[in-house]
Amino acid sequence: MLISYGIKRMNQPVDKLFIIKIGGNIMDDEEKLPSFLKDFVRIKEKKILVHGGGKIATQIGEKLGIKANYVNGRRITDEKTIDLVTMVYGGLTNKKMVAKLQALNCNAIGVTGADANLIPAKKRPVKDIDYGFVGDIDKEKLASGNVRDHWQLLLNNGLVPVVASLTHDGKGQILNTNADTIASVLAVLLSEDYYVRLVYCFEKKGVLQNVNDEKSVMHLINKTIYKNLLEDHSVAEGILPKLENAFAAIDQGVKEVIIGHADDLVQNLTAEVRGTLIK
């Protein structure tokens, strides 16, 4: 089943920008990643690719004697781990993808939030859990100064930013930051200049009504449906952060968010969405 939709906007930016977040399961798959990148290159409009680290950081960490520690599904980023993810996310993973995109004649440039102060953040305060060197994006600093100008500088000069999920605190400290959140916040920031479509690509067709039925895709979710899903606890926990970030973006001016399978990227960029449309 496909869903067709159209949105009319008055006095809004007409230049399109696609912000695509790729999930770890796609990044870790040596067969699926090249196919996804070929589809990404087919996007002719301005675009940004946001990624985390997949399982590679954990695998390399084990070889280095750095054990991954998770609480409530979130990585505790201690001093050794922040060095590890900086090397893997900002180096190995990011530059491999940039090189693959360059081979496809896509003029990609790999960045983190520290480069050109693209994503300022604050270290997450310690409450019940100390997450270590984890960053929460500083939205005030992001919206002020010349951060938007730096993004425009990249996009208006034909460069395709490939963003690793690392930010910085402005005091010399790199911070580990959720890639879904980065994609959402960038979509909000740049929606003042572009007609933004935010797309979360992962290994499912979309938000499933029944987690055991791959065909039970919910093709449209609005705020009322979202509220009911939360009350009924009928959505898999793994998809909740994506929904939270999707509605955070919608609430702040982003008009379209898609959650869908990486294989459906091209289709989900048309008016016939195979995944889940958030509006």
C-alpha atoms as a PDB file:
ATOM      1  CA  MET A   1       0.000   0.000   0.000  1.00  0.00           C
ATOM      2  CA  LEU A   2       1.237   3.484  -0.876  1.00  0.00           C
ATOM      3  CA  ILE A   3       0.093   6.787   0.521  1.00  0.00           C
ATOM      4  CA  SER A   4      -0.151   9.840  -1.708  1.00  0.00           C
ATOM      5  CA  TYR A   5      -0.119  13.294  -0.230  1.00  0.00           C
ATOM      6  CA  GLY A   6       0.346  16.918  -1.141  1.00  0.00           C
ATOM      7  CA  ILE A   7       1.077  19.961   1.011  1.00  0.00           C
ATOM      8  CA  LYS A   8       0.569  23.566  -0.064  1.00  0.00           C
ATOM      9  CA  ARG A   9       2.701  26.188   1.616  1.00  0.00           C
ATOM     10  CA  MET A  10       2.463  29.965   1.429  1.00  0.00           C
ATOM     11  CA  ASN A  11       5.582  32.136   1.679  1.00  0.00           C
ATOM     12  CA  GLN A  12       7.769  29.149   2.447  1.00  0.00           C
ATOM     13  CA  PRO A  13      11.191  28.164   1.045  1.00  0.00           C
ATOM     14  CA  VAL A  14      10.903  26.360  -2.283  1.00  0.00           C
ATOM     15  CA  ASP A  15      14.416  24.894  -2.524  1.00  0.00           C
ATOM     16  CA  LYS A  16      14.323  21.277  -1.374  1.00  0.00           C
ATOM     17  CA  LEU A  17      16.698  19.706   1.112  1.00  0.00           C
ATOM     18  CA  PHE A  18      16.693  16.039   2.020  1.00  0.00           C
ATOM     19  CA  ILE A  19      18.169  15.058   5.381  1.00  0.00           C
ATOM     20  CA  ILE A  20      18.695  11.297   5.479  1.00  0.00           C
ATOM     21  CA  LYS A  21      19.622   9.380   8.603  1.00  0.00           C
ATOM     22  CA  ILE A  22      21.001   5.889   7.986  1.00  0.00           C
ATOM     23  CA  GLY A  23      20.653   3.178  10.625  1.00  0.00           C
ATOM     24  CA  GLY A  24      23.399   0.946  11.969  1.00  0.00           C
ATOM     25  CA  ASN A  25      21.945  -2.252  10.513  1.00  0.00           C
ATOM     26  CA  ILE A  26      22.376  -0.838   7.007  1.00  0.00           C
ATOM     27  CA  MET A  27      25.846   0.530   7.695  1.00  0.00           C
ATOM     28  CA  ASP A  28      27.004  -2.836   9.042  1.00  0.00           C
ATOM     29  CA  ASP A  29      25.788  -4.738   5.968  1.00  0.00           C
ATOM     30  CA  GLU A  30      28.477  -4.821   3.266  1.00  0.00           C
ATOM     31  CA  GLU A  31      25.897  -5.751   0.631  1.00  0.00           C
ATOM     32  CA  LYS A  32      23.141  -3.271   1.539  1.00  0.00           C
ATOM     33  CA  LEU A  33      25.309  -0.204   2.157  1.00  0.00           C
ATOM     34  CA  PRO A  34      26.587   0.171  -1.450  1.00  0.00           C
ATOM     35  CA  SER A  35      23.025  -0.135  -2.764  1.00  0.00           C
ATOM     36  CA  PHE A  36      21.793   2.488  -0.317  1.00  0.00           C
ATOM     37  CA  LEU A  37      24.590   4.899  -1.251  1.00  0.00           C
ATOM     38  CA  LYS A  38      23.757   4.507  -4.958  1.00  0.00           C
ATOM     39  CA  ASP A  39      20.153   5.445  -4.163  1.00  0.00           C
ATOM     40  CA  PHE A  40      21.330   8.377  -2.044  1.00  0.00           C
ATOM     41  CA  VAL A  41      23.405   9.683  -4.953  1.00  0.00           C
ATOM     42  CA  ARG A  42      20.288   9.639  -7.154  1.00  0.00           C
ATOM     43  CA  ILE A  43      18.855  12.497  -5.116  1.00  0.00           C
ATOM     44  CA  LYS A  44      19.503  15.539  -7.311  1.00  0.00           C
ATOM     45  CA  GLU A  45      18.486  18.164  -4.778  1.00  0.00           C
ATOM     46  CA  LYS A  46      20.605  19.340  -1.861  1.00  0.00           C
ATOM     47  CA  LYS A  47      21.110  16.592   0.699  1.00  0.00           C
ATOM     48  CA  ILE A  48      22.742  15.691   4.008  1.00  0.00           C
ATOM     49  CA  LEU A  49      23.551  12.190   5.275  1.00  0.00           C
ATOM     50  CA  VAL A  50      23.649  11.601   9.045  1.00  0.00           C
ATOM     51  CA  HIS A  51      25.076   8.413  10.578  1.00  0.00           C
ATOM     52  CA  GLY A  52      26.132   6.803  13.843  1.00  0.00           C
ATOM     53  CA  GLY A  53      28.648   4.017  14.169  1.00  0.00           C
ATOM     54  CA  GLY A  54      26.738   0.762  13.942  1.00  0.00           C
ATOM     55  CA  LYS A  55      28.401  -2.233  15.540  1.00  0.00           C
ATOM     56  CA  ILE A  56      31.874  -1.368  14.295  1.00  0.00           C
ATOM     57  CA  ALA A  57      32.775   0.694  17.367  1.00  0.00           C
ATOM     58  CA  THR A  58      31.796  -2.170  19.663  1.00  0.00           C
ATOM     59  CA  GLN A  59      33.799  -4.683  17.606  1.00  0.00           C
ATOM     60  CA  ILE A  60      36.918  -2.521  17.524  1.00  0.00           C
ATOM     61  CA  GLY A  61      36.474  -1.693  21.202  1.00  0.00           C
ATOM     62  CA  GLU A  62      36.513  -5.385  22.076  1.00  0.00           C
ATOM     63  CA  LYS A  63      39.824  -5.778  20.240  1.00  0.00           C
ATOM     64  CA  LEU A  64      41.222  -2.856  22.232  1.00  0.00           C
ATOM     65  CA  GLY A  65      39.863  -4.152  25.528  1.00  0.00           C
ATOM     66  CA  ILE A  66      37.160  -1.457  25.770  1.00  0.00           C
ATOM     67  CA  LYS A  67      33.920  -3.111  26.802  1.00  0.00           C
ATOM     68  CA  ALA A  68      30.639  -1.547  25.686  1.00  0.00           C
ATOM     69  CA  ASN A  69      28.399  -0.553  28.570  1.00  0.00           C
ATOM     70  CA  TYR A  70      24.715   0.190  27.972  1.00  0.00           C
ATOM     71  CA  VAL A  71      21.981   1.416  30.321  1.00  0.00           C
ATOM     72  CA  ASN A  72      18.405   1.459  29.003  1.00  0.00           C
ATOM     73  CA  GLY A  73      19.765   0.813  25.524  1.00  0.00           C
ATOM     74  CA  ARG A  74      22.071   3.848  25.592  1.00  0.00           C
ATOM     75  CA  ARG A  75      25.859   3.664  25.480  1.00  0.00           C
ATOM     76  CA  ILE A  76      27.757   4.940  28.504  1.00  0.00           C
ATOM     77  CA  THR A  77      30.532   7.040  26.999  1.00  0.00           C
ATOM     78  CA  ASP A  78      33.461   7.069  29.401  1.00  0.00           C
ATOM     79  CA  GLU A  79      36.880   8.549  28.659  1.00  0.00           C
ATOM     80  CA  LYS A  80      38.148   5.548  26.696  1.00  0.00           C
ATOM     81  CA  THR A  81      34.859   5.176  24.823  1.00  0.00           C
ATOM     82  CA  ILE A  82      34.722   8.786  23.640  1.00  0.00           C
ATOM     83  CA  ASP A  83      38.187   8.308  22.128  1.00  0.00           C
ATOM     84  CA  LEU A  84      36.967   5.085  20.527  1.00  0.00           C
ATOM     85  CA  VAL A  85      33.801   6.529  18.973  1.00  0.00           C
ATOM     86  CA  THR A  86      35.660   9.624  17.812  1.00  0.00           C
ATOM     87  CA  MET A  87      38.098   7.406  15.924  1.00  0.00           C
ATOM     88  CA  VAL A  88      35.408   5.112  14.526  1.00  0.00           C
ATOM     89  CA  TYR A  89      32.463   7.455  13.874  1.00  0.00           C
ATOM     90  CA  GLY A  90      34.424  10.509  12.802  1.00  0.00           C
ATOM     91  CA  GLY A  91      37.243   8.575  11.150  1.00  0.00           C
ATOM     92  CA  LEU A  92      36.856   5.034   9.890  1.00  0.00           C
ATOM     93  CA  THR A  93      33.088   4.941   9.319  1.00  0.00           C
ATOM     94  CA  ASN A  94      32.709   8.486   8.071  1.00  0.00           C
ATOM     95  CA  LYS A  95      35.648   8.510   5.698  1.00  0.00           C
ATOM     96  CA  LYS A  96      34.803   5.114   4.222  1.00  0.00           C
ATOM     97  CA  MET A  97      31.349   6.385   3.316  1.00  0.00           C
ATOM     98  CA  VAL A  98      32.757   9.627   1.937  1.00  0.00           C
ATOM     99  CA  ALA A  99      35.185   7.664  -0.234  1.00  0.00           C
ATOM    100  CA  LYS A 100      32.382   5.411  -1.510  1.00  0.00           C
ATOM    101  CA  LEU A 101      30.270   8.462  -2.374  1.00  0.00           C
ATOM    102  CA  GLN A 102      33.198  10.116  -4.151  1.00  0.00           C
ATOM    103  CA  ALA A 103      33.526   6.943  -6.239  1.00  0.00           C
ATOM    104  CA  LEU A 104      29.907   7.533  -7.271  1.00  0.00           C
ATOM    105  CA  ASN A 105      30.716  11.122  -8.349  1.00  0.00           C
ATOM    106  CA  CYS A 106      29.028  12.593  -5.289  1.00  0.00           C
ATOM    107  CA  ASN A 107      31.157  15.408  -3.854  1.00  0.00           C
ATOM    108  CA  ALA A 108      30.749  14.394  -0.212  1.00  0.00           C
ATOM    109  CA  ILE A 109      32.543  15.975   2.717  1.00  0.00           C
ATOM    110  CA  GLY A 110      32.766  14.257   6.091  1.00  0.00           C
ATOM    111  CA  VAL A 111      32.082  16.415   9.140  1.00  0.00           C
ATOM    112  CA  THR A 112      31.384  16.246  12.858  1.00  0.00           C
ATOM    113  CA  GLY A 113      29.676  18.858  14.998  1.00  0.00           C
ATOM    114  CA  ALA A 114      33.084  20.258  15.953  1.00  0.00           C
ATOM    115  CA  ASP A 115      33.991  21.114  12.343  1.00  0.00           C
ATOM    116  CA  ALA A 116      33.175  24.786  11.677  1.00  0.00           C
ATOM    117  CA  ASN A 117      31.162  24.673  14.919  1.00  0.00           C
ATOM    118  CA  LEU A 118      28.383  22.974  12.961  1.00  0.00           C
ATOM    119  CA  ILE A 119      26.690  21.374  15.996  1.00  0.00           C
ATOM    120  CA  PRO A 120      27.405  22.936  19.405  1.00  0.00           C
ATOM    121  CA  ALA A 121      26.315  20.874  22.398  1.00  0.00           C
ATOM    122  CA  LYS A 122      26.462  20.550  26.170  1.00  0.00           C
ATOM    123  CA  LYS A 123      27.594  17.566  28.203  1.00  0.00           C
ATOM    124  CA  ARG A 124      24.503  15.805  29.526  1.00  0.00           C
ATOM    125  CA  PRO A 125      24.054  16.625  33.225  1.00  0.00           C
ATOM    126  CA  VAL A 126      24.287  13.745  35.679  1.00  0.00           C
ATOM    127  CA  LYS A 127      20.924  12.794  37.178  1.00  0.00           C
ATOM    128  CA  ASP A 128      20.067   9.179  37.991  1.00  0.00           C
ATOM    129  CA  ILE A 129      22.631   7.942  35.441  1.00  0.00           C
ATOM    130  CA  ASP A 130      26.001   9.345  34.432  1.00  0.00           C
ATOM    131  CA  TYR A 131      26.165   8.834  30.669  1.00  0.00           C
ATOM    132  CA  GLY A 132      29.677  10.237  30.521  1.00  0.00           C
ATOM    133  CA  PHE A 133      30.745  12.245  27.485  1.00  0.00           C
ATOM    134  CA  VAL A 134      27.300  12.345  25.891  1.00  0.00           C
ATOM    135  CA  GLY A 135      26.144  15.605  24.357  1.00  0.00           C
ATOM    136  CA  ASP A 136      22.748  17.270  24.235  1.00  0.00           C
ATOM    137  CA  ILE A 137      22.585  19.741  21.377  1.00  0.00           C
ATOM    138  CA  ASP A 138      22.718  23.381  22.492  1.00  0.00           C
ATOM    139  CA  LYS A 139      19.760  24.727  20.527  1.00  0.00           C
ATOM    140  CA  GLU A 140      20.366  28.329  21.588  1.00  0.00           C
ATOM    141  CA  LYS A 141      23.902  28.351  20.210  1.00  0.00           C
ATOM    142  CA  LEU A 142      22.766  26.403  17.159  1.00  0.00           C
ATOM    143  CA  ALA A 143      20.157  29.041  16.326  1.00  0.00           C
ATOM    144  CA  SER A 144      22.430  32.005  17.039  1.00  0.00           C
ATOM    145  CA  GLY A 145      25.644  33.192  15.496  1.00  0.00           C
ATOM    146  CA  ASN A 146      26.657  31.959  12.062  1.00  0.00           C
ATOM    147  CA  VAL A 147      25.998  28.208  12.350  1.00  0.00           C
ATOM    148  CA  ARG A 148      23.329  28.307   9.618  1.00  0.00           C
ATOM    149  CA  ASP A 149      25.719  30.299   7.421  1.00  0.00           C
ATOM    150  CA  HIS A 150      28.296  27.513   7.697  1.00  0.00           C
ATOM    151  CA  TRP A 151      25.739  24.896   6.645  1.00  0.00           C
ATOM    152  CA  GLN A 152      24.728  27.143   3.756  1.00  0.00           C
ATOM    153  CA  LEU A 153      28.358  27.507   2.767  1.00  0.00           C
ATOM    154  CA  LEU A 154      28.628  23.742   2.339  1.00  0.00           C
ATOM    155  CA  LEU A 155      25.280  23.191   0.635  1.00  0.00           C
ATOM    156  CA  ASN A 156      25.477  26.182  -1.721  1.00  0.00           C
ATOM    157  CA  ASN A 157      28.892  25.140  -2.982  1.00  0.00           C
ATOM    158  CA  GLY A 158      27.794  21.726  -4.208  1.00  0.00           C
ATOM    159  CA  LEU A 159      29.102  19.776  -1.225  1.00  0.00           C
ATOM    160  CA  VAL A 160      27.180  16.905   0.378  1.00  0.00           C
ATOM    161  CA  PRO A 161      27.782  16.808   4.144  1.00  0.00           C
ATOM    162  CA  VAL A 162      28.157  13.343   5.681  1.00  0.00           C
ATOM    163  CA  VAL A 163      27.649  13.962   9.390  1.00  0.00           C
ATOM    164  CA  ALA A 164      29.079  11.669  12.067  1.00  0.00           C
ATOM    165  CA  SER A 165      27.133  11.642  15.329  1.00  0.00           C
ATOM    166  CA  LEU A 166      29.712  13.640  17.280  1.00  0.00           C
ATOM    167  CA  THR A 167      29.277  17.144  18.676  1.00  0.00           C
ATOM    168  CA  HIS A 168      31.421  19.382  20.900  1.00  0.00           C
ATOM    169  CA  ASP A 169      31.057  21.576  23.965  1.00  0.00           C
ATOM    170  CA  GLY A 170      33.053  24.587  22.754  1.00  0.00           C
ATOM    171  CA  LYS A 171      35.703  23.890  25.387  1.00  0.00           C
ATOM    172  CA  GLY A 172      37.659  21.290  23.480  1.00  0.00           C
ATOM    173  CA  GLN A 173      35.614  18.223  24.394  1.00  0.00           C
ATOM    174  CA  ILE A 174      34.094  15.923  21.767  1.00  0.00           C
ATOM    175  CA  LEU A 175      30.689  14.510  22.764  1.00  0.00           C
ATOM    176  CA  ASN A 176      28.776  11.444  21.609  1.00  0.00           C
ATOM    177  CA  THR A 177      25.285  12.479  20.421  1.00  0.00           C
ATOM    178  CA  ASN A 178      22.324  10.481  19.145  1.00  0.00           C
ATOM    179  CA  ALA A 179      22.253  10.485  15.331  1.00  0.00           C
ATOM    180  CA  ASP A 180      18.429  10.536  15.176  1.00  0.00           C
ATOM    181  CA  THR A 181      18.451  13.689  17.286  1.00  0.00           C
ATOM    182  CA  ILE A 182      21.118  15.341  15.134  1.00  0.00           C
ATOM    183  CA  ALA A 183      19.056  14.686  11.997  1.00  0.00           C
ATOM    184  CA  SER A 184      15.929  16.109  13.632  1.00  0.00           C
ATOM    185  CA  VAL A 185      17.632  19.245  14.950  1.00  0.00           C
ATOM    186  CA  LEU A 186      19.335  19.946  11.615  1.00  0.00           C
ATOM    187  CA  ALA A 187      15.994  19.571   9.852  1.00  0.00           C
ATOM    188  CA  VAL A 188      14.499  22.205  12.161  1.00  0.00           C
ATOM    189  CA  LEU A 189      17.464  24.548  11.787  1.00  0.00           C
ATOM    190  CA  LEU A 190      17.501  24.408   7.983  1.00  0.00           C
ATOM    191  CA  SER A 191      13.726  24.459   7.499  1.00  0.00           C
ATOM    192  CA  GLU A 192      13.997  28.259   7.584  1.00  0.00           C
ATOM    193  CA  ASP A 193      15.936  28.116   4.325  1.00  0.00           C
ATOM    194  CA  TYR A 194      14.663  24.966   2.624  1.00  0.00           C
ATOM    195  CA  TYR A 195      11.623  22.814   2.133  1.00  0.00           C
ATOM    196  CA  VAL A 196      12.988  19.969   4.245  1.00  0.00           C
ATOM    197  CA  ARG A 197      12.084  16.317   4.106  1.00  0.00           C
ATOM    198  CA  LEU A 198      13.615  14.334   6.977  1.00  0.00           C
ATOM    199  CA  VAL A 199      13.949  10.607   6.302  1.00  0.00           C
ATOM    200  CA  TYR A 200      14.918   7.942   8.830  1.00  0.00           C
ATOM    201  CA  CYS A 201      16.175   4.847   7.002  1.00  0.00           C
ATOM    202  CA  PHE A 202      16.447   1.560   8.874  1.00  0.00           C
ATOM    203  CA  GLU A 203      15.742  -2.156   8.434  1.00  0.00           C
ATOM    204  CA  LYS A 204      11.932  -2.030   8.704  1.00  0.00           C
ATOM    205  CA  LYS A 205       9.376  -0.871   6.128  1.00  0.00           C
ATOM    206  CA  GLY A 206       8.107   1.737   8.562  1.00  0.00           C
ATOM    207  CA  VAL A 207       6.340   1.950  11.892  1.00  0.00           C
ATOM    208  CA  LEU A 208       4.625  -1.424  12.331  1.00  0.00           C
ATOM    209  CA  GLN A 209       1.245  -1.818  13.972  1.00  0.00           C
ATOM    210  CA  ASN A 210       2.252  -5.395  14.743  1.00  0.00           C
ATOM    211  CA  VAL A 211       5.986  -5.842  15.330  1.00  0.00           C
ATOM    212  CA  ASN A 212       5.724  -9.454  14.144  1.00  0.00           C
ATOM    213  CA  ASP A 213       4.049  -8.524  10.860  1.00  0.00           C
ATOM    214  CA  GLU A 214       6.300  -6.747   8.356  1.00  0.00           C
ATOM    215  CA  LYS A 215       3.240  -5.866   6.251  1.00  0.00           C
ATOM    216  CA  SER A 216       1.461  -3.985   9.043  1.00  0.00           C
ATOM    217  CA  VAL A 217       3.046  -0.632   8.160  1.00  0.00           C
ATOM    218  CA  MET A 218       1.223   2.406   9.491  1.00  0.00           C
ATOM    219  CA  HIS A 219       1.413   4.685   6.469  1.00  0.00           C
ATOM    220  CA  LEU A 220       0.256   7.807   8.280  1.00  0.00           C
ATOM    221  CA  ILE A 221       0.761   8.930  11.872  1.00  0.00           C
ATOM    222  CA  ASN A 222      -0.446  12.274  13.180  1.00  0.00           C
ATOM    223  CA  LYS A 223      -0.327  13.612  16.738  1.00  0.00           C
ATOM    224  CA  THR A 224      -3.602  11.995  17.742  1.00  0.00           C
ATOM    225  CA  ILE A 225      -2.518   8.570  16.521  1.00  0.00           C
ATOM    226  CA  TYR A 226       0.897   9.038  18.143  1.00  0.00           C
ATOM    227  CA  LYS A 227      -0.727   9.855  21.496  1.00  0.00           C
ATOM    228  CA  ASN A 228      -2.883   6.734  21.269  1.00  0.00           C
ATOM    229  CA  LEU A 229       0.136   4.579  20.411  1.00  0.00           C
ATOM    230  CA  LEU A 230       1.966   5.841  23.491  1.00  0.00           C
ATOM    231  CA  GLU A 231      -1.023   5.241  25.740  1.00  0.00           C
ATOM    232  CA  ASP A 232      -1.548   1.720  24.384  1.00  0.00           C
ATOM    233  CA  HIS A 233       2.192   0.843  24.491  1.00  0.00           C
ATOM    234  CA  SER A 234       1.631  -0.684  21.065  1.00  0.00           C
ATOM    235  CA  VAL A 235       4.861   0.456  19.405  1.00  0.00           C
ATOM    236  CA  ALA A 236       8.208  -1.304  19.728  1.00  0.00           C
ATOM    237  CA  GLU A 237      10.573   0.558  22.069  1.00  0.00           C
ATOM    238  CA  GLY A 238      13.234   0.776  19.375  1.00  0.00           C
ATOM    239  CA  ILE A 239      11.064   2.983  17.181  1.00  0.00           C
ATOM    240  CA  LEU A 240      10.034   5.406  19.938  1.00  0.00           C
ATOM    241  CA  PRO A 241      13.148   7.646  19.713  1.00  0.00           C
ATOM    242  CA  LYS A 242      12.552   8.067  15.975  1.00  0.00           C
ATOM    243  CA  LEU A 243       8.913   9.022  16.582  1.00  0.00           C
ATOM    244  CA  GLU A 244       9.922  11.415  19.366  1.00  0.00           C
ATOM    245  CA  ASN A 245      12.468  13.118  17.127  1.00  0.00           C
ATOM    246  CA  ALA A 246      10.040  13.139  14.199  1.00  0.00           C
ATOM    247  CA  PHE A 247       7.353  14.968  16.151  1.00  0.00           C
ATOM    248  CA  ALA A 248       9.925  17.291  17.719  1.00  0.00           C
ATOM    249  CA  ALA A 249      10.845  18.309  14.170  1.00  0.00           C
ATOM    250  CA  ILE A 250       7.210  18.624  13.088  1.00  0.00           C
ATOM    251  CA  ASP A 251       6.427  20.810  16.109  1.00  0.00           C
ATOM    252  CA  GLN A 252       9.204  23.218  15.085  1.00  0.00           C
ATOM    253  CA  GLY A 253       8.437  23.750  11.424  1.00  0.00           C
ATOM    254  CA  VAL A 254       9.540  20.648   9.529  1.00  0.00           C
ATOM    255  CA  LYS A 255       6.607  19.623   7.332  1.00  0.00           C
ATOM    256  CA  GLU A 256       7.475  16.059   6.354  1.00  0.00           C
ATOM    257  CA  VAL A 257       9.177  13.192   8.145  1.00  0.00           C
ATOM    258  CA  ILE A 258       9.398   9.669   6.719  1.00  0.00           C
ATOM    259  CA  ILE A 259      10.372   6.500   8.577  1.00  0.00           C
ATOM    260  CA  GLY A 260      11.055   3.604   6.243  1.00  0.00           C
ATOM    261  CA  HIS A 261      13.325   0.902   4.889  1.00  0.00           C
ATOM    262  CA  ALA A 262      16.630   1.892   3.330  1.00  0.00           C
ATOM    263  CA  ASP A 263      15.693  -0.080   0.207  1.00  0.00           C
ATOM    264  CA  ASP A 264      12.701   2.250  -0.270  1.00  0.00           C
ATOM    265  CA  LEU A 265      14.680   5.489  -0.072  1.00  0.00           C
ATOM    266  CA  VAL A 266      14.034   6.580  -3.660  1.00  0.00           C
ATOM    267  CA  GLN A 267      10.331   5.711  -3.482  1.00  0.00           C
ATOM    268  CA  ASN A 268       9.935   7.479  -0.144  1.00  0.00           C
ATOM    269  CA  LEU A 269      11.278  10.698  -1.664  1.00  0.00           C
ATOM    270  CA  THR A 270       8.371  10.825  -4.099  1.00  0.00           C
ATOM    271  CA  ALA A 271       4.724  11.650  -3.438  1.00  0.00           C
ATOM    272  CA  GLU A 272       4.008   7.914  -3.082  1.00  0.00           C
ATOM    273  CA  VAL A 273       5.422   6.950   0.287  1.00  0.00           C
ATOM    274  CA  ARG A 274       5.929   3.268   1.104  1.00  0.00           C
ATOM    275  CA  GLY A 275       6.986   3.885   4.685  1.00  0.00           C
ATOM    276  CA  THR A 276       5.391   5.906   7.480  1.00  0.00           C
ATOM    277  CA  LEU A 277       4.567   9.562   6.890  1.00  0.00           C
ATOM    278  CA  ILE A 278       4.641  11.768   9.987  1.00  0.00           C
ATOM    279  CA  LYS A 279       2.614  14.974   9.718  1.00  0.00           C
END
